[in-house]
Amino acid sequence: MTLMTPDTTDPLALLNDHLYMSLTTFRKNGDPVPTPVWFARVGERLFVMTQGRSGKVKRLAQNSRVKVAPCTVNGALLGPAIEASGEVISQPDRIALADGALSAKYGAEKARFDAMGTTGRVFIEIRAV
């Protein structure tokens, strides 16, 4: 396996061609909590969907610092992590952009996920720092 190194001109490039990303959020005491997630990239932003009551959302409310890295569905890292900043988005246009980007990337798989219900779902926007 070849590990990638971050591109300083495009730090998010290390996620290109990957289906899963390890999103690491941080507890109040600083302990990291990595979670494998679906993600979609739009320009210099990454979008993730999750449940509004999830631990990652609660941790983001306390600390916007995150790390992102390519990973497998089970969270095994496939490359280095980069520092980033994350926030739960509430603006309808940004939510539509995030939802559309994830639907375009994951297609029928996301449609099946959506069919189970979208109540309580939120979207997180991530930017490299």
C-alpha atoms as a PDB file:
ATOM      1  CA  MET A   1       0.000   0.000   0.000  1.00  0.00           C
ATOM      2  CA  THR A   2       1.289   3.439  -0.910  1.00  0.00           C
ATOM      3  CA  LEU A   3       0.565   6.221   1.551  1.00  0.00           C
ATOM      4  CA  MET A   4      -0.056   9.652   0.112  1.00  0.00           C
ATOM      5  CA  THR A   5       1.515  12.855   1.298  1.00  0.00           C
ATOM      6  CA  PRO A   6      -0.540  16.042   1.541  1.00  0.00           C
ATOM      7  CA  ASP A   7      -0.371  18.430  -1.410  1.00  0.00           C
ATOM      8  CA  THR A   8       0.426  21.856   0.004  1.00  0.00           C
ATOM      9  CA  THR A   9      -1.343  23.618  -2.884  1.00  0.00           C
ATOM     10  CA  ASP A  10      -4.475  21.465  -2.499  1.00  0.00           C
ATOM     11  CA  PRO A  11      -4.500  19.817   0.913  1.00  0.00           C
ATOM     12  CA  LEU A  12      -7.838  18.106   0.238  1.00  0.00           C
ATOM     13  CA  ALA A  13      -6.416  16.298  -2.808  1.00  0.00           C
ATOM     14  CA  LEU A  14      -5.401  13.406  -0.550  1.00  0.00           C
ATOM     15  CA  LEU A  15      -9.107  12.523  -0.392  1.00  0.00           C
ATOM     16  CA  ASN A  16      -9.618  12.436  -4.168  1.00  0.00           C
ATOM     17  CA  ASP A  17     -10.874   9.061  -5.425  1.00  0.00           C
ATOM     18  CA  HIS A  18     -11.770   7.811  -1.942  1.00  0.00           C
ATOM     19  CA  LEU A  19     -15.242   6.792  -0.770  1.00  0.00           C
ATOM     20  CA  TYR A  20     -14.612   7.119   2.968  1.00  0.00           C
ATOM     21  CA  MET A  21     -12.937   9.687   5.143  1.00  0.00           C
ATOM     22  CA  SER A  22     -11.870   9.471   8.748  1.00  0.00           C
ATOM     23  CA  LEU A  23     -13.335  12.515  10.478  1.00  0.00           C
ATOM     24  CA  THR A  24     -11.621  13.089  13.806  1.00  0.00           C
ATOM     25  CA  THR A  25     -13.348  15.375  16.264  1.00  0.00           C
ATOM     26  CA  PHE A  26     -12.064  16.199  19.719  1.00  0.00           C
ATOM     27  CA  ARG A  27     -13.578  15.772  23.169  1.00  0.00           C
ATOM     28  CA  LYS A  28     -13.479  18.623  25.687  1.00  0.00           C
ATOM     29  CA  ASN A  29     -10.378  17.037  27.242  1.00  0.00           C
ATOM     30  CA  GLY A  30      -8.643  16.956  23.836  1.00  0.00           C
ATOM     31  CA  ASP A  31      -8.977  13.221  23.185  1.00  0.00           C
ATOM     32  CA  PRO A  32      -9.453  12.470  19.464  1.00  0.00           C
ATOM     33  CA  VAL A  33     -12.504  10.517  18.266  1.00  0.00           C
ATOM     34  CA  PRO A  34     -12.128   9.241  14.680  1.00  0.00           C
ATOM     35  CA  THR A  35     -15.208   8.182  12.719  1.00  0.00           C
ATOM     36  CA  PRO A  36     -15.332   6.833   9.137  1.00  0.00           C
ATOM     37  CA  VAL A  37     -17.889   8.835   7.132  1.00  0.00           C
ATOM     38  CA  TRP A  38     -19.146   9.409   3.632  1.00  0.00           C
ATOM     39  CA  PHE A  39     -18.065  12.772   2.256  1.00  0.00           C
ATOM     40  CA  ALA A  40     -18.303  14.854  -0.884  1.00  0.00           C
ATOM     41  CA  ARG A  41     -16.006  17.604  -2.042  1.00  0.00           C
ATOM     42  CA  VAL A  42     -17.201  20.834  -3.618  1.00  0.00           C
ATOM     43  CA  GLY A  43     -14.258  23.113  -4.380  1.00  0.00           C
ATOM     44  CA  GLU A  44     -12.393  23.791  -1.163  1.00  0.00           C
ATOM     45  CA  ARG A  45     -15.129  22.325   1.053  1.00  0.00           C
ATOM     46  CA  LEU A  46     -16.025  18.854   2.206  1.00  0.00           C
ATOM     47  CA  PHE A  47     -19.537  17.898   3.222  1.00  0.00           C
ATOM     48  CA  VAL A  48     -20.621  15.127   5.591  1.00  0.00           C
ATOM     49  CA  MET A  49     -24.095  14.093   6.729  1.00  0.00           C
ATOM     50  CA  THR A  50     -24.893  12.700  10.139  1.00  0.00           C
ATOM     51  CA  GLN A  51     -27.568  12.636  12.801  1.00  0.00           C
ATOM     52  CA  GLY A  52     -27.981  15.860  14.731  1.00  0.00           C
ATOM     53  CA  ARG A  53     -27.679  14.041  18.058  1.00  0.00           C
ATOM     54  CA  SER A  54     -24.430  12.286  17.119  1.00  0.00           C
ATOM     55  CA  GLY A  55     -21.338  12.633  19.234  1.00  0.00           C
ATOM     56  CA  LYS A  56     -19.445  14.332  16.426  1.00  0.00           C
ATOM     57  CA  VAL A  57     -22.051  17.107  16.268  1.00  0.00           C
ATOM     58  CA  LYS A  58     -21.875  17.614  20.028  1.00  0.00           C
ATOM     59  CA  ARG A  59     -18.077  17.723  19.908  1.00  0.00           C
ATOM     60  CA  LEU A  60     -18.103  20.203  16.989  1.00  0.00           C
ATOM     61  CA  ALA A  61     -20.322  22.511  19.030  1.00  0.00           C
ATOM     62  CA  GLN A  62     -17.495  22.710  21.593  1.00  0.00           C
ATOM     63  CA  ASN A  63     -14.501  22.680  19.250  1.00  0.00           C
ATOM     64  CA  SER A  64     -14.462  23.243  15.473  1.00  0.00           C
ATOM     65  CA  ARG A  65     -11.018  21.637  15.100  1.00  0.00           C
ATOM     66  CA  VAL A  66     -11.074  18.387  13.118  1.00  0.00           C
ATOM     67  CA  LYS A  67      -8.673  16.175  11.224  1.00  0.00           C
ATOM     68  CA  VAL A  68      -9.544  14.379   8.009  1.00  0.00           C
ATOM     69  CA  ALA A  69      -7.815  11.490   6.262  1.00  0.00           C
ATOM     70  CA  PRO A  70      -8.719   8.905   3.634  1.00  0.00           C
ATOM     71  CA  CYS A  71      -9.790   5.603   5.160  1.00  0.00           C
ATOM     72  CA  THR A  72     -11.591   2.322   4.578  1.00  0.00           C
ATOM     73  CA  VAL A  73     -15.224   1.715   5.496  1.00  0.00           C
ATOM     74  CA  ASN A  74     -13.951   0.375   8.835  1.00  0.00           C
ATOM     75  CA  GLY A  75     -11.781   3.436   9.525  1.00  0.00           C
ATOM     76  CA  ALA A  76      -8.333   2.031   8.684  1.00  0.00           C
ATOM     77  CA  LEU A  77      -6.303   5.038   7.556  1.00  0.00           C
ATOM     78  CA  LEU A  78      -5.082   5.080   3.950  1.00  0.00           C
ATOM     79  CA  GLY A  79      -3.056   8.267   4.179  1.00  0.00           C
ATOM     80  CA  PRO A  80      -2.041  11.128   6.425  1.00  0.00           C
ATOM     81  CA  ALA A  81      -4.501  13.373   8.236  1.00  0.00           C
ATOM     82  CA  ILE A  82      -4.756  17.096   7.667  1.00  0.00           C
ATOM     83  CA  GLU A  83      -5.966  19.776  10.056  1.00  0.00           C
ATOM     84  CA  ALA A  84      -9.317  21.299   9.221  1.00  0.00           C
ATOM     85  CA  SER A  85     -12.256  23.160  10.681  1.00  0.00           C
ATOM     86  CA  GLY A  86     -15.828  21.881  10.764  1.00  0.00           C
ATOM     87  CA  GLU A  87     -19.241  23.368  11.394  1.00  0.00           C
ATOM     88  CA  VAL A  88     -22.830  22.196  11.262  1.00  0.00           C
ATOM     89  CA  ILE A  89     -24.529  24.190   8.531  1.00  0.00           C
ATOM     90  CA  SER A  90     -28.049  25.586   8.735  1.00  0.00           C
ATOM     91  CA  GLN A  91     -28.414  27.715   5.586  1.00  0.00           C
ATOM     92  CA  PRO A  92     -30.810  26.068   3.097  1.00  0.00           C
ATOM     93  CA  ASP A  93     -28.597  26.785   0.073  1.00  0.00           C
ATOM     94  CA  ARG A  94     -25.543  25.187   1.697  1.00  0.00           C
ATOM     95  CA  ILE A  95     -27.623  22.216   2.874  1.00  0.00           C
ATOM     96  CA  ALA A  96     -28.928  21.724  -0.671  1.00  0.00           C
ATOM     97  CA  LEU A  97     -25.368  21.908  -2.022  1.00  0.00           C
ATOM     98  CA  ALA A  98     -24.151  19.342   0.517  1.00  0.00           C
ATOM     99  CA  ASP A  99     -27.072  16.971  -0.046  1.00  0.00           C
ATOM    100  CA  GLY A 100     -26.731  17.234  -3.821  1.00  0.00           C
ATOM    101  CA  ALA A 101     -22.989  16.608  -3.742  1.00  0.00           C
ATOM    102  CA  LEU A 102     -23.403  13.530  -1.543  1.00  0.00           C
ATOM    103  CA  SER A 103     -26.234  12.230  -3.753  1.00  0.00           C
ATOM    104  CA  ALA A 104     -24.106  12.722  -6.870  1.00  0.00           C
ATOM    105  CA  LYS A 105     -21.177  10.851  -5.337  1.00  0.00           C
ATOM    106  CA  TYR A 106     -23.020   7.944  -3.706  1.00  0.00           C
ATOM    107  CA  GLY A 107     -26.030   7.636  -6.043  1.00  0.00           C
ATOM    108  CA  ALA A 108     -28.362   4.718  -5.366  1.00  0.00           C
ATOM    109  CA  GLU A 109     -26.590   3.919  -2.108  1.00  0.00           C
ATOM    110  CA  LYS A 110     -27.463   7.353  -0.728  1.00  0.00           C
ATOM    111  CA  ALA A 111     -30.993   7.116  -2.131  1.00  0.00           C
ATOM    112  CA  ARG A 112     -31.515   3.894  -0.138  1.00  0.00           C
ATOM    113  CA  PHE A 113     -30.137   5.628   2.940  1.00  0.00           C
ATOM    114  CA  ASP A 114     -32.482   8.600   2.360  1.00  0.00           C
ATOM    115  CA  ALA A 115     -35.452   6.242   2.018  1.00  0.00           C
ATOM    116  CA  MET A 116     -34.920   5.217   5.652  1.00  0.00           C
ATOM    117  CA  GLY A 117     -35.694   8.789   6.683  1.00  0.00           C
ATOM    118  CA  THR A 118     -33.984  12.140   6.899  1.00  0.00           C
ATOM    119  CA  THR A 119     -35.498  13.374  10.171  1.00  0.00           C
ATOM    120  CA  GLY A 120     -32.803  14.697  12.461  1.00  0.00           C
ATOM    121  CA  ARG A 121     -30.142  14.701   9.751  1.00  0.00           C
ATOM    122  CA  VAL A 122     -27.609  17.533   9.659  1.00  0.00           C
ATOM    123  CA  PHE A 123     -24.762  18.409   7.359  1.00  0.00           C
ATOM    124  CA  ILE A 124     -21.244  19.368   8.343  1.00  0.00           C
ATOM    125  CA  GLU A 125     -19.028  21.605   6.228  1.00  0.00           C
ATOM    126  CA  ILE A 126     -15.284  21.116   6.547  1.00  0.00           C
ATOM    127  CA  ARG A 127     -12.472  23.356   5.314  1.00  0.00           C
ATOM    128  CA  ALA A 128      -8.738  22.752   5.464  1.00  0.00           C
ATOM    129  CA  VAL A 129      -6.830  25.189   7.661  1.00  0.00           C
END
